[in-house]
């Protein structure tokens, strides 16, 4: 299954979450964020990975996805 631009944008958002705490979320401002970011946030919400259409907190499933996303990025960034 090839990666699509939509999936890459969703992964980018998951990579932005701070996994050190469950008390910190993300807010995507509808008037200033790029349209691709807004759309990715809405897709993650519909998939049940985040708590709000404009960001919010990770759900349990979202946290698991973010953990995997960030782990892959750490591995790939190793030199």
Protein backbone atom coordinates (compact mmCIF):
# COMPACT_ATOMS: atom_id res chain seq x y z
CA UNK A 1 0.00 0.00 0.00
CA UNK A 2 1.70 3.21 -1.10
CA UNK A 3 1.65 6.28 1.09
CA UNK A 4 -0.64 9.05 -0.05
CA UNK A 5 -0.27 12.74 0.71
CA UNK A 6 -3.30 12.47 3.02
CA UNK A 7 -1.60 9.74 5.07
CA UNK A 8 1.64 11.71 5.25
CA UNK A 9 -0.25 14.76 6.55
CA UNK A 10 -2.00 12.64 9.17
CA UNK A 11 1.31 11.12 10.27
CA UNK A 12 2.79 14.61 10.50
CA UNK A 13 0.03 15.63 12.90
CA UNK A 14 0.46 12.50 15.01
CA UNK A 15 4.17 13.23 15.22
CA UNK A 16 3.44 16.65 16.74
CA UNK A 17 1.76 15.28 19.87
CA UNK A 18 3.74 15.34 23.10
CA UNK A 19 3.62 11.77 24.38
CA UNK A 20 5.20 12.72 27.71
CA UNK A 21 1.81 13.91 28.98
CA UNK A 22 -1.86 13.22 28.36
CA UNK A 23 -2.74 16.77 29.42
CA UNK A 24 -1.42 18.45 26.29
CA UNK A 25 -3.35 18.52 23.04
CA UNK A 26 -3.13 20.30 19.71
CA UNK A 27 -5.33 23.11 18.40
CA UNK A 28 -5.56 23.58 14.63
CA UNK A 29 -6.88 27.07 13.96
CA UNK A 30 -9.40 26.95 11.14
CA UNK A 31 -8.60 30.47 9.91
CA UNK A 32 -4.80 30.30 9.88
CA UNK A 33 -3.77 26.65 9.41
CA UNK A 34 -3.08 25.29 5.93
CA UNK A 35 -6.11 23.60 4.36
CA UNK A 36 -4.22 20.28 4.21
CA UNK A 37 -3.63 20.40 7.97
CA UNK A 38 -7.27 21.19 8.67
CA UNK A 39 -8.39 18.31 6.45
CA UNK A 40 -5.91 15.90 8.08
CA UNK A 41 -7.17 16.88 11.52
CA UNK A 42 -10.76 16.24 10.49
CA UNK A 43 -9.82 12.82 9.06
CA UNK A 44 -8.01 11.84 12.28
CA UNK A 45 -11.12 12.85 14.25
CA UNK A 46 -13.39 10.77 12.00
CA UNK A 47 -11.04 7.80 12.43
CA UNK A 48 -11.32 8.13 16.20
CA UNK A 49 -7.67 9.07 16.79
CA UNK A 50 -8.25 12.54 18.27
CA UNK A 51 -10.98 13.99 20.46
CA UNK A 52 -11.98 17.09 18.44
CA UNK A 53 -12.36 18.00 14.77
CA UNK A 54 -9.84 20.81 15.28
CA UNK A 55 -7.33 18.76 17.25
CA UNK A 56 -7.80 18.19 20.92
CA UNK A 57 -6.32 15.20 22.70
CA UNK A 58 -5.30 11.78 21.50
CA UNK A 59 -7.76 8.98 22.08
CA UNK A 60 -6.41 5.60 23.26
CA UNK A 61 -6.16 4.48 19.65
CA UNK A 62 -4.64 7.81 18.67
CA UNK A 63 -1.99 7.53 21.36
CA UNK A 64 -1.02 4.10 20.10
CA UNK A 65 -0.80 5.44 16.53
CA UNK A 66 1.24 8.45 17.66
CA UNK A 67 3.63 6.21 19.61
CA UNK A 68 4.22 4.06 16.53
CA UNK A 69 4.56 7.11 14.29
CA UNK A 70 7.11 8.75 16.54
CA UNK A 71 9.04 5.50 16.99
CA UNK A 72 9.34 5.07 13.21
CA UNK A 73 10.56 8.65 12.87
CA UNK A 74 13.21 8.10 15.56
CA UNK A 75 14.44 4.97 13.78
CA UNK A 76 14.53 6.63 10.36
CA UNK A 77 16.34 9.73 11.67
CA UNK A 78 19.22 7.68 13.08
CA UNK A 79 22.46 8.16 11.24
